[in-house]
Every structure is written in structure tokens, then in C-alpha cells.
Amino acid sequence: MTTAHTNSVQPTKVNNQSVSSTARFQSTASGFKRWGRKSPFVRYGLPMISVTVLGALGLGHLLQGSKDIAKVRDDREWEIIETRKALSRTGPLVSYKPKKTSLEEDLKALQQKVDTENYEYKKIPRP
């Protein structure tokens, strides 16, 4: 008989706990609703500002990573050029001598290559 009595007591405790947790949940929910009505900044402004700030920090972190990768890549390319002795850090070596040309000379060379007087119309195919 004692075991049956303990079984009947426990469900009432569980029910009391579920009722108290439901009441607690409803009171916190109504408290959050009050926050939104009393100060809309807490409900709308604060999340928006926090997302903006955290997004800016995250993008800055990502951009810094890409800059570091680009710097490493440039350093590797520079080392390859130095090993081939095409350039040094002070300037061009004997193996690299740029031509001294002017824009007018380049224009004349291009005009000789391309004939702008005699040309044909070609139909471009549609995609």
C-alpha cells in the first residue's frame, strides 16, 4: 500500500513543476513583450547595431586574410624573379634593358599594321 501511495504523490509534484515552469515561461515572455513596448531600441535598434558592428569586424578580418595571402604570393613571385636574375631590388640588371620609345612611334607602328581605309563588314553571329 505504501508504494501505491508514493506513486500517487509523484505525479502531483511533476504537475506542480510543469505548472510552475509554464508560469515562469509566461512571465518571462510577457517581460520581453514589455521590453519591446517600453523601449523599442532594445527590440529593434540593439540587434541592428550589433549585427552591423559584428559584420564590419568580420569583413575586416576576412579582408585582412586576403591581403596577407596576396602579400605572400607577391613575395614568392619576387623571389622567383630574383633567382632568375631578371631584376634586383635596386633596379634592372644587364639581362633586362627596356627600349626607349615614344608614343608617336608606337602610333605610327600601329597605323602601319592596321589598314583603316580598306575594311570589310563582317556579320557577328547572334548567341
C-alpha atoms as a PDB file:
ATOM      1  CA  MET A   1       0.000   0.000   0.000  1.00  0.00           C
ATOM      2  CA  THR A   2       2.885   2.361   0.644  1.00  0.00           C
ATOM      3  CA  THR A   3       4.203   2.028  -2.885  1.00  0.00           C
ATOM      4  CA  ALA A   4       0.853   2.966  -4.374  1.00  0.00           C
ATOM      5  CA  HIS A   5       0.743   5.999  -2.129  1.00  0.00           C
ATOM      6  CA  THR A   6       4.173   7.223  -3.287  1.00  0.00           C
ATOM      7  CA  ASN A   7       3.158   6.755  -6.910  1.00  0.00           C
ATOM      8  CA  SER A   8       0.131   8.983  -6.444  1.00  0.00           C
ATOM      9  CA  VAL A   9       2.209  11.705  -4.761  1.00  0.00           C
ATOM     10  CA  GLN A  10       4.884  11.943  -7.502  1.00  0.00           C
ATOM     11  CA  PRO A  11       2.606  12.852 -10.415  1.00  0.00           C
ATOM     12  CA  THR A  12       1.278  15.806  -8.441  1.00  0.00           C
ATOM     13  CA  LYS A  13       4.858  17.013  -7.969  1.00  0.00           C
ATOM     14  CA  VAL A  14       5.522  16.717 -11.696  1.00  0.00           C
ATOM     15  CA  ASN A  15       2.337  18.598 -12.447  1.00  0.00           C
ATOM     16  CA  ASN A  16       3.290  21.293  -9.961  1.00  0.00           C
ATOM     17  CA  GLN A  17       6.718  21.578 -11.595  1.00  0.00           C
ATOM     18  CA  SER A  18       5.254  21.783 -15.098  1.00  0.00           C
ATOM     19  CA  VAL A  19       2.734  24.394 -13.963  1.00  0.00           C
ATOM     20  CA  SER A  20       5.458  26.438 -12.269  1.00  0.00           C
ATOM     21  CA  SER A  21       7.751  26.225 -15.335  1.00  0.00           C
ATOM     22  CA  THR A  22       4.866  27.263 -17.608  1.00  0.00           C
ATOM     23  CA  ALA A  23       4.073  30.184 -15.347  1.00  0.00           C
ATOM     24  CA  ARG A  24       7.752  31.159 -15.277  1.00  0.00           C
ATOM     25  CA  PHE A  25       7.931  30.968 -19.085  1.00  0.00           C
ATOM     26  CA  GLN A  26       4.805  33.096 -19.489  1.00  0.00           C
ATOM     27  CA  SER A  27       6.106  35.710 -17.062  1.00  0.00           C
ATOM     28  CA  THR A  28       9.446  35.968 -18.909  1.00  0.00           C
ATOM     29  CA  ALA A  29       7.654  36.118 -22.257  1.00  0.00           C
ATOM     30  CA  SER A  30       5.447  38.948 -21.057  1.00  0.00           C
ATOM     31  CA  GLY A  31       8.574  40.656 -19.706  1.00  0.00           C
ATOM     32  CA  PHE A  32      10.152  40.514 -23.161  1.00  0.00           C
ATOM     33  CA  LYS A  33       6.980  41.872 -24.709  1.00  0.00           C
ATOM     34  CA  ARG A  34       7.074  44.741 -22.214  1.00  0.00           C
ATOM     35  CA  TRP A  35      10.676  45.499 -23.264  1.00  0.00           C
ATOM     36  CA  GLY A  36       9.537  45.860 -26.865  1.00  0.00           C
ATOM     37  CA  ARG A  37       6.695  48.168 -25.914  1.00  0.00           C
ATOM     38  CA  LYS A  38       8.566  50.281 -23.382  1.00  0.00           C
ATOM     39  CA  SER A  39      11.812  50.701 -25.310  1.00  0.00           C
ATOM     40  CA  PRO A  40      11.775  49.716 -28.974  1.00  0.00           C
ATOM     41  CA  PHE A  41      15.533  50.308 -29.106  1.00  0.00           C
ATOM     42  CA  VAL A  42      16.122  47.076 -27.177  1.00  0.00           C
ATOM     43  CA  ARG A  43      13.920  45.113 -29.565  1.00  0.00           C
ATOM     44  CA  TYR A  44      14.933  46.649 -32.896  1.00  0.00           C
ATOM     45  CA  GLY A  45      17.878  49.034 -32.549  1.00  0.00           C
ATOM     46  CA  LEU A  46      20.266  46.950 -30.458  1.00  0.00           C
ATOM     47  CA  PRO A  47      20.145  43.849 -32.708  1.00  0.00           C
ATOM     48  CA  MET A  48      20.563  46.003 -35.805  1.00  0.00           C
ATOM     49  CA  ILE A  49      23.561  47.871 -34.412  1.00  0.00           C
ATOM     50  CA  SER A  50      25.171  44.672 -33.118  1.00  0.00           C
ATOM     51  CA  VAL A  51      24.754  42.924 -36.487  1.00  0.00           C
ATOM     52  CA  THR A  52      26.247  45.960 -38.249  1.00  0.00           C
ATOM     53  CA  VAL A  53      29.266  46.181 -35.944  1.00  0.00           C
ATOM     54  CA  LEU A  54      29.933  42.446 -35.902  1.00  0.00           C
ATOM     55  CA  GLY A  55      29.534  42.285 -39.685  1.00  0.00           C
ATOM     56  CA  ALA A  56      32.046  45.089 -40.165  1.00  0.00           C
ATOM     57  CA  LEU A  57      34.533  43.381 -37.861  1.00  0.00           C
ATOM     58  CA  GLY A  58      34.041  40.055 -39.644  1.00  0.00           C
ATOM     59  CA  LEU A  59      34.522  41.591 -43.087  1.00  0.00           C
ATOM     60  CA  GLY A  60      37.636  43.393 -41.892  1.00  0.00           C
ATOM     61  CA  HIS A  61      39.038  40.110 -40.647  1.00  0.00           C
ATOM     62  CA  LEU A  62      38.306  38.386 -43.972  1.00  0.00           C
ATOM     63  CA  LEU A  63      39.837  41.227 -45.997  1.00  0.00           C
ATOM     64  CA  GLN A  64      42.966  41.201 -43.864  1.00  0.00           C
ATOM     65  CA  GLY A  65      43.352  37.491 -44.541  1.00  0.00           C
ATOM     66  CA  SER A  66      43.100  38.008 -48.301  1.00  0.00           C
ATOM     67  CA  LYS A  67      45.664  40.831 -48.100  1.00  0.00           C
ATOM     68  CA  ASP A  68      48.065  38.556 -46.239  1.00  0.00           C
ATOM     69  CA  ILE A  69      47.656  35.843 -48.867  1.00  0.00           C
ATOM     70  CA  ALA A  70      48.269  38.344 -51.674  1.00  0.00           C
ATOM     71  CA  LYS A  71      51.397  39.610 -49.908  1.00  0.00           C
ATOM     72  CA  VAL A  72      52.780  36.085 -49.567  1.00  0.00           C
ATOM     73  CA  ARG A  73      52.049  35.418 -53.250  1.00  0.00           C
ATOM     74  CA  ASP A  74      53.815  38.651 -54.287  1.00  0.00           C
ATOM     75  CA  ASP A  75      56.815  37.788 -52.131  1.00  0.00           C
ATOM     76  CA  ARG A  76      57.074  34.366 -53.775  1.00  0.00           C
ATOM     77  CA  GLU A  77      56.906  35.875 -57.256  1.00  0.00           C
ATOM     78  CA  TRP A  78      59.559  38.412 -56.328  1.00  0.00           C
ATOM     79  CA  GLU A  79      61.841  35.653 -55.083  1.00  0.00           C
ATOM     80  CA  ILE A  80      61.384  33.755 -58.365  1.00  0.00           C
ATOM     81  CA  ILE A  81      62.320  36.851 -60.332  1.00  0.00           C
ATOM     82  CA  GLU A  82      65.395  37.383 -58.167  1.00  0.00           C
ATOM     83  CA  THR A  83      66.516  33.809 -58.618  1.00  0.00           C
ATOM     84  CA  ARG A  84      66.325  34.189 -62.384  1.00  0.00           C
ATOM     85  CA  LYS A  85      68.392  37.370 -62.104  1.00  0.00           C
ATOM     86  CA  ALA A  86      65.973  39.352 -64.271  1.00  0.00           C
ATOM     87  CA  LEU A  87      65.673  42.136 -61.729  1.00  0.00           C
ATOM     88  CA  SER A  88      67.263  43.061 -58.439  1.00  0.00           C
ATOM     89  CA  ARG A  89      65.814  45.206 -55.700  1.00  0.00           C
ATOM     90  CA  THR A  90      67.907  48.181 -56.820  1.00  0.00           C
ATOM     91  CA  GLY A  91      66.836  48.133 -60.485  1.00  0.00           C
ATOM     92  CA  PRO A  92      67.262  46.352 -63.803  1.00  0.00           C
ATOM     93  CA  LEU A  93      70.355  44.266 -64.446  1.00  0.00           C
ATOM     94  CA  VAL A  94      72.179  43.635 -67.730  1.00  0.00           C
ATOM     95  CA  SER A  95      69.714  40.988 -68.907  1.00  0.00           C
ATOM     96  CA  TYR A  96      66.798  43.445 -68.841  1.00  0.00           C
ATOM     97  CA  LYS A  97      67.067  46.656 -70.860  1.00  0.00           C
ATOM     98  CA  PRO A  98      63.843  48.390 -71.815  1.00  0.00           C
ATOM     99  CA  LYS A  99      63.596  50.132 -75.175  1.00  0.00           C
ATOM    100  CA  LYS A 100      63.238  53.885 -75.221  1.00  0.00           C
ATOM    101  CA  THR A 101      60.162  54.546 -77.327  1.00  0.00           C
ATOM    102  CA  SER A 102      57.743  57.420 -77.635  1.00  0.00           C
ATOM    103  CA  LEU A 103      54.006  57.414 -78.086  1.00  0.00           C
ATOM    104  CA  GLU A 104      54.242  58.851 -81.581  1.00  0.00           C
ATOM    105  CA  GLU A 105      56.483  55.998 -82.728  1.00  0.00           C
ATOM    106  CA  ASP A 106      54.089  53.443 -81.266  1.00  0.00           C
ATOM    107  CA  LEU A 107      51.139  55.124 -83.015  1.00  0.00           C
ATOM    108  CA  LYS A 108      52.926  55.086 -86.372  1.00  0.00           C
ATOM    109  CA  ALA A 109      53.781  51.402 -85.954  1.00  0.00           C
ATOM    110  CA  LEU A 110      50.156  50.523 -85.179  1.00  0.00           C
ATOM    111  CA  GLN A 111      48.882  52.572 -88.126  1.00  0.00           C
ATOM    112  CA  GLN A 112      51.184  50.685 -90.447  1.00  0.00           C
ATOM    113  CA  LYS A 113      49.959  47.329 -89.139  1.00  0.00           C
ATOM    114  CA  VAL A 114      46.232  48.165 -89.340  1.00  0.00           C
ATOM    115  CA  ASP A 115      44.699  49.431 -92.547  1.00  0.00           C
ATOM    116  CA  THR A 116      41.797  51.701 -91.589  1.00  0.00           C
ATOM    117  CA  GLU A 117      40.934  52.695 -95.154  1.00  0.00           C
ATOM    118  CA  ASN A 118      40.121  49.272 -96.611  1.00  0.00           C
ATOM    119  CA  TYR A 119      37.992  47.011 -94.470  1.00  0.00           C
ATOM    120  CA  GLU A 120      35.136  44.542 -94.780  1.00  0.00           C
ATOM    121  CA  TYR A 121      31.890  44.383 -92.888  1.00  0.00           C
ATOM    122  CA  LYS A 122      31.563  41.049 -91.107  1.00  0.00           C
ATOM    123  CA  LYS A 123      28.336  39.924 -89.582  1.00  0.00           C
ATOM    124  CA  ILE A 124      28.653  38.899 -85.950  1.00  0.00           C
ATOM    125  CA  PRO A 125      26.722  35.704 -85.167  1.00  0.00           C
ATOM    126  CA  ARG A 126      23.951  36.037 -82.607  1.00  0.00           C
ATOM    127  CA  PRO A 127      24.190  33.933 -79.492  1.00  0.00           C
END
